[in-house]
Amino acid sequence: LIMGLEEPDEGSIELGKYNITVNNVLPGYTKTGRLDELADSKAKTLNVAKADIEESWAESTALNRLAEPIEIASVVLFLASSDSSYITGHNLAVDGGRFKA
């Protein structure tokens, strides 16, 4: 993690000469304790069922579901491995097609 970089391409240019890759992982809605807390809070604020909030989040993705933590972790693991040694300067959205592009 490099703090203070606006974009990963800044870091990739600066650190590439040392064969260091710099990428960002941009996770979408992921089934975590924190997301569960946010769903509870939003449901209370809107006076709706928590399941309705989770369903609306899932429906905002092309895959119509929330991510499992292992799906995000797998991408991070790949980017930390030698298999991604020629990938640098990217923002990688791991969000199930959140904006249904």
Protein backbone atom coordinates (compact mmCIF):
# COMPACT_ATOMS: atom_id res chain seq x y z
CA LEU A 1 0.00 0.00 0.00
CA ILE A 2 1.39 3.33 -1.03
CA MET A 3 -0.33 6.31 0.52
CA GLY A 4 -0.50 9.67 -1.20
CA LEU A 5 -0.72 8.48 -4.77
CA GLU A 6 -3.67 9.85 -6.68
CA GLU A 7 -3.57 7.15 -9.34
CA PRO A 8 -1.69 3.86 -9.61
CA ASP A 9 0.05 5.04 -12.78
CA GLU A 10 1.91 7.63 -10.67
CA GLY A 11 3.38 4.88 -8.53
CA SER A 12 4.00 2.58 -11.47
CA ILE A 13 6.09 5.25 -13.20
CA GLU A 14 7.99 6.11 -10.04
CA LEU A 15 8.54 2.51 -8.88
CA GLY A 16 8.67 0.65 -12.18
CA LYS A 17 12.40 1.22 -12.47
CA TYR A 18 12.72 -1.00 -9.39
CA ASN A 19 10.47 -3.67 -10.97
CA ILE A 20 7.71 -2.84 -8.48
CA THR A 21 4.14 -2.95 -9.74
CA VAL A 22 1.44 -0.63 -8.42
CA ASN A 23 -2.26 -1.35 -8.86
CA ASN A 24 -5.50 -0.56 -7.04
CA VAL A 25 -8.24 -3.05 -6.29
CA LEU A 26 -11.66 -1.39 -6.19
CA PRO A 27 -14.01 -3.83 -4.49
CA GLY A 28 -17.75 -3.62 -4.87
CA TYR A 29 -20.33 -4.64 -2.30
CA THR A 30 -18.75 -7.52 -0.42
CA LYS A 31 -20.37 -9.73 2.23
CA THR A 32 -18.49 -8.56 5.31
CA GLY A 33 -19.42 -7.61 8.82
CA ARG A 34 -19.07 -3.96 7.88
CA LEU A 35 -21.48 -4.27 4.95
CA ASP A 36 -23.91 -6.03 7.27
CA GLU A 37 -23.71 -3.06 9.68
CA LEU A 38 -24.28 -0.61 6.82
CA ALA A 39 -27.31 -2.58 5.62
CA ASP A 40 -28.76 -2.56 9.15
CA SER A 41 -28.24 1.18 9.47
CA LYS A 42 -29.68 2.01 6.06
CA ALA A 43 -32.67 -0.27 6.64
CA LYS A 44 -33.45 1.49 9.92
CA THR A 45 -33.06 4.93 8.34
CA LEU A 46 -35.36 4.04 5.44
CA ASN A 47 -37.69 1.91 7.59
CA VAL A 48 -37.38 -1.09 5.30
CA ALA A 49 -36.19 -4.65 5.72
CA LYS A 50 -32.45 -5.24 5.73
CA ALA A 51 -32.96 -7.90 3.04
CA ASP A 52 -34.45 -5.21 0.78
CA ILE A 53 -31.28 -3.13 1.11
CA GLU A 54 -29.05 -6.12 0.36
CA GLU A 55 -31.24 -7.06 -2.59
CA SER A 56 -31.05 -3.53 -4.03
CA TRP A 57 -27.27 -3.59 -3.73
CA ALA A 58 -27.10 -6.97 -5.45
CA GLU A 59 -29.43 -5.82 -8.22
CA SER A 60 -27.15 -2.84 -8.89
CA THR A 61 -24.57 -5.28 -10.31
CA ALA A 62 -24.55 -7.11 -13.62
CA LEU A 63 -24.11 -10.39 -11.72
CA ASN A 64 -27.07 -9.62 -9.42
CA ARG A 65 -25.25 -10.64 -6.26
CA LEU A 66 -22.83 -9.44 -3.61
CA ALA A 67 -19.19 -10.52 -3.64
CA GLU A 68 -17.78 -13.12 -1.31
CA PRO A 69 -14.63 -11.91 0.50
CA ILE A 70 -12.58 -14.70 -1.14
CA GLU A 71 -13.37 -13.23 -4.56
CA ILE A 72 -11.71 -9.94 -3.62
CA ALA A 73 -8.86 -11.71 -1.82
CA SER A 74 -8.16 -13.85 -4.89
CA VAL A 75 -7.64 -10.77 -7.03
CA VAL A 76 -5.29 -9.26 -4.44
CA LEU A 77 -3.39 -12.55 -4.26
CA PHE A 78 -3.07 -12.63 -8.06
CA LEU A 79 -1.76 -9.04 -8.17
CA ALA A 80 0.76 -9.88 -5.44
CA SER A 81 2.00 -12.93 -7.35
CA SER A 82 4.58 -13.26 -10.09
CA ASP A 83 1.72 -14.17 -12.45
CA SER A 84 0.88 -10.45 -12.63
CA SER A 85 4.45 -9.22 -13.00
CA TYR A 86 3.66 -7.24 -16.16
CA ILE A 87 0.48 -5.58 -14.86
CA THR A 88 0.98 -2.13 -13.38
CA GLY A 89 -0.74 1.23 -13.21
CA HIS A 90 -4.30 -0.05 -13.13
CA ASN A 91 -7.46 0.46 -11.12
CA LEU A 92 -9.12 -2.95 -11.15
CA ALA A 93 -12.83 -2.89 -10.33
CA VAL A 94 -13.86 -6.15 -8.69
CA ASP A 95 -17.50 -5.21 -8.36
CA GLY A 96 -19.60 -7.71 -10.28
CA GLY A 97 -20.24 -5.14 -13.00
CA ARG A 98 -21.70 -2.64 -10.58
CA PHE A 99 -22.57 -0.12 -13.24
CA LYS A 100 -23.81 -2.77 -15.66
CA ALA A 101 -21.51 -1.47 -18.39
